[in-house]
Amino acid sequence: MPLPDPDSSVAHSFALEFDGVTIKDITQVSGLKMEQDVIELKENTADGGYVIKKLPGRWKAGECTLTRGLTHDNSFETWIKDSHLATPDHVGRRGAMTVFDFEGRVVKRYAIINAWPRSLEIGTLKAGDTSVLVELLVLAYENLEVG
């Protein structure tokens, strides 16, 4: 069996899209996952034995962290302000995290359902430091669909 093309699984770049707005220049995404509760069903068998069965439960809501270098793009801040002013029914947005290969073709798309910004953190400010100043946006979401 041949091995898969190693370059096909490399995430060269990615972008976050919400409501027709594409946020690029994201350098890192962490915590993007789908998770489900496990229900344990404990039963006695007909011969008096004890059995534990595991069943799928409810889907868990998730959180992911997006990191990007500091830019003039204020889409993170605008989204946070909009979520503060919105009613609880209108806070969440549907969007997607799209992963591109080295030629800019879509490798995979992750639909993020009912997401809203939980926090925005600015990286450490240190005089004389030569590292890139970053923003970390934490998104809370209700569900994730792989497409």
Protein backbone atom coordinates (compact mmCIF):
# COMPACT_ATOMS: atom_id res chain seq x y z
CA MET A 1 0.00 0.00 0.00
CA PRO A 2 1.58 3.33 -1.04
CA LEU A 3 2.02 6.05 1.52
CA PRO A 4 -0.09 9.20 1.11
CA ASP A 5 1.47 12.26 -0.46
CA PRO A 6 3.11 13.94 2.55
CA ASP A 7 2.56 17.42 1.15
CA SER A 8 -1.21 16.91 0.95
CA SER A 9 -1.51 16.92 4.74
CA VAL A 10 0.63 20.01 5.37
CA ALA A 11 -1.37 23.09 6.34
CA HIS A 12 0.50 25.81 4.48
CA SER A 13 -2.07 28.48 5.26
CA PHE A 14 -5.56 28.83 6.61
CA ALA A 15 -8.28 31.42 6.92
CA LEU A 16 -11.33 32.00 9.07
CA GLU A 17 -14.54 33.07 7.33
CA PHE A 18 -17.60 34.50 9.06
CA ASP A 19 -20.53 36.34 7.49
CA GLY A 20 -18.67 36.94 4.24
CA VAL A 21 -15.60 38.31 6.02
CA THR A 22 -12.33 36.38 5.60
CA ILE A 23 -9.73 36.78 8.30
CA LYS A 24 -6.31 35.81 6.95
CA ASP A 25 -2.83 36.04 8.42
CA ILE A 26 -3.73 33.49 11.10
CA THR A 27 -0.51 31.73 12.09
CA GLN A 28 -1.86 29.10 14.47
CA VAL A 29 -5.14 27.38 15.36
CA SER A 30 -5.38 25.16 18.43
CA GLY A 31 -8.17 23.32 20.21
CA LEU A 32 -10.38 22.79 17.15
CA LYS A 33 -12.12 19.52 17.99
CA MET A 34 -15.33 17.53 17.95
CA GLU A 35 -16.19 15.77 21.19
CA GLN A 36 -19.07 13.70 22.47
CA ASP A 37 -20.06 12.59 25.96
CA VAL A 38 -19.93 8.91 26.83
CA ILE A 39 -22.87 7.33 28.64
CA GLU A 40 -22.10 4.26 30.70
CA LEU A 41 -24.93 1.76 30.96
CA LYS A 42 -24.45 -0.75 33.78
CA GLU A 43 -26.44 -3.97 33.51
CA ASN A 44 -26.73 -7.33 35.14
CA THR A 45 -26.74 -10.23 32.71
CA ALA A 46 -29.16 -13.16 32.84
CA ASP A 47 -26.50 -15.36 34.47
CA GLY A 48 -25.85 -12.78 37.23
CA GLY A 49 -22.78 -11.19 35.66
CA TYR A 50 -22.10 -7.48 35.45
CA VAL A 51 -21.63 -5.62 32.16
CA ILE A 52 -20.80 -2.00 31.38
CA LYS A 53 -21.82 -0.76 27.95
CA LYS A 54 -20.71 2.57 26.53
CA LEU A 55 -23.14 4.58 24.44
CA PRO A 56 -22.73 7.87 22.55
CA GLY A 57 -24.12 10.87 24.41
CA ARG A 58 -24.58 14.55 23.67
CA TRP A 59 -22.13 16.56 21.63
CA LYS A 60 -19.94 18.88 23.67
CA ALA A 61 -19.43 22.51 22.82
CA GLY A 62 -15.85 23.49 22.11
CA GLU A 63 -13.33 26.29 22.14
CA CYS A 64 -10.44 27.05 19.83
CA THR A 65 -7.67 29.62 19.92
CA LEU A 66 -6.60 31.60 16.84
CA THR A 67 -3.21 33.31 16.79
CA ARG A 68 -2.08 35.97 14.35
CA GLY A 69 0.51 38.69 14.22
CA LEU A 70 -0.71 42.17 15.13
CA THR A 71 -2.17 43.88 12.03
CA HIS A 72 -4.27 46.90 11.10
CA ASP A 73 -7.20 44.53 10.48
CA ASN A 74 -9.73 45.15 13.27
CA SER A 75 -12.08 42.24 12.47
CA PHE A 76 -11.37 40.53 15.82
CA GLU A 77 -12.19 43.70 17.76
CA THR A 78 -15.30 44.44 15.68
CA TRP A 79 -16.62 40.93 16.27
CA ILE A 80 -16.06 41.24 20.03
CA LYS A 81 -17.88 44.60 20.14
CA ASP A 82 -20.77 43.19 18.09
CA SER A 83 -21.11 40.20 20.42
CA HIS A 84 -21.27 42.49 23.48
CA LEU A 85 -24.11 44.49 21.95
CA ALA A 86 -26.08 41.54 20.57
CA THR A 87 -28.94 39.76 22.28
CA PRO A 88 -28.20 36.18 23.39
CA ASP A 89 -30.12 34.82 20.41
CA HIS A 90 -27.97 36.76 17.92
CA VAL A 91 -24.44 36.42 19.36
CA GLY A 92 -23.31 33.25 17.59
CA ARG A 93 -22.22 33.13 13.97
CA ARG A 94 -21.69 30.32 11.52
CA GLY A 95 -18.38 30.24 9.75
CA ALA A 96 -15.55 28.01 8.63
CA MET A 97 -11.86 27.40 9.07
CA THR A 98 -10.39 26.59 5.66
CA VAL A 99 -6.99 24.90 5.27
CA PHE A 100 -5.04 25.48 2.03
CA ASP A 101 -2.13 23.57 0.50
CA PHE A 102 1.07 25.16 -0.84
CA GLU A 103 -0.67 26.08 -4.13
CA GLY A 104 -3.64 27.72 -2.44
CA ARG A 105 -6.08 24.84 -3.05
CA VAL A 106 -8.55 23.93 -0.31
CA VAL A 107 -7.38 20.85 1.60
CA LYS A 108 -10.14 20.75 4.22
CA ARG A 109 -12.92 22.90 5.57
CA TYR A 110 -14.21 22.87 9.14
CA ALA A 111 -17.64 24.45 9.64
CA ILE A 112 -17.89 26.19 13.00
CA ILE A 113 -21.48 26.49 14.19
CA ASN A 114 -22.78 29.24 16.47
CA ALA A 115 -19.38 30.68 17.40
CA TRP A 116 -18.67 33.83 19.36
CA PRO A 117 -15.48 35.42 20.70
CA ARG A 118 -14.83 34.47 24.30
CA SER A 119 -11.64 36.49 24.77
CA LEU A 120 -8.94 38.47 23.01
CA GLU A 121 -5.43 38.51 24.42
CA ILE A 122 -2.54 40.62 23.24
CA GLY A 123 0.89 38.98 23.46
CA THR A 124 3.51 40.13 25.94
CA LEU A 125 4.75 43.68 25.42
CA LYS A 126 8.44 43.81 26.24
CA ALA A 127 10.78 46.72 25.49
CA GLY A 128 13.62 45.76 23.15
CA ASP A 129 12.02 42.43 22.20
CA THR A 130 12.37 41.45 18.54
CA SER A 131 9.61 38.84 18.40
CA VAL A 132 6.33 39.43 16.59
CA LEU A 133 3.51 40.82 18.70
CA VAL A 134 0.51 38.49 18.45
CA GLU A 135 -3.23 38.51 19.15
CA LEU A 136 -4.91 35.40 20.54
CA LEU A 137 -8.66 35.13 19.96
CA VAL A 138 -10.53 32.38 21.80
CA LEU A 139 -13.77 31.30 20.10
CA ALA A 140 -16.48 29.36 21.89
CA TYR A 141 -18.65 27.29 19.54
CA GLU A 142 -21.54 24.85 19.78
CA ASN A 143 -20.53 22.35 17.12
CA LEU A 144 -17.91 21.57 14.51
CA GLU A 145 -18.58 19.84 11.19
CA VAL A 146 -15.83 18.47 8.95
CA GLY A 147 -16.46 18.97 5.25
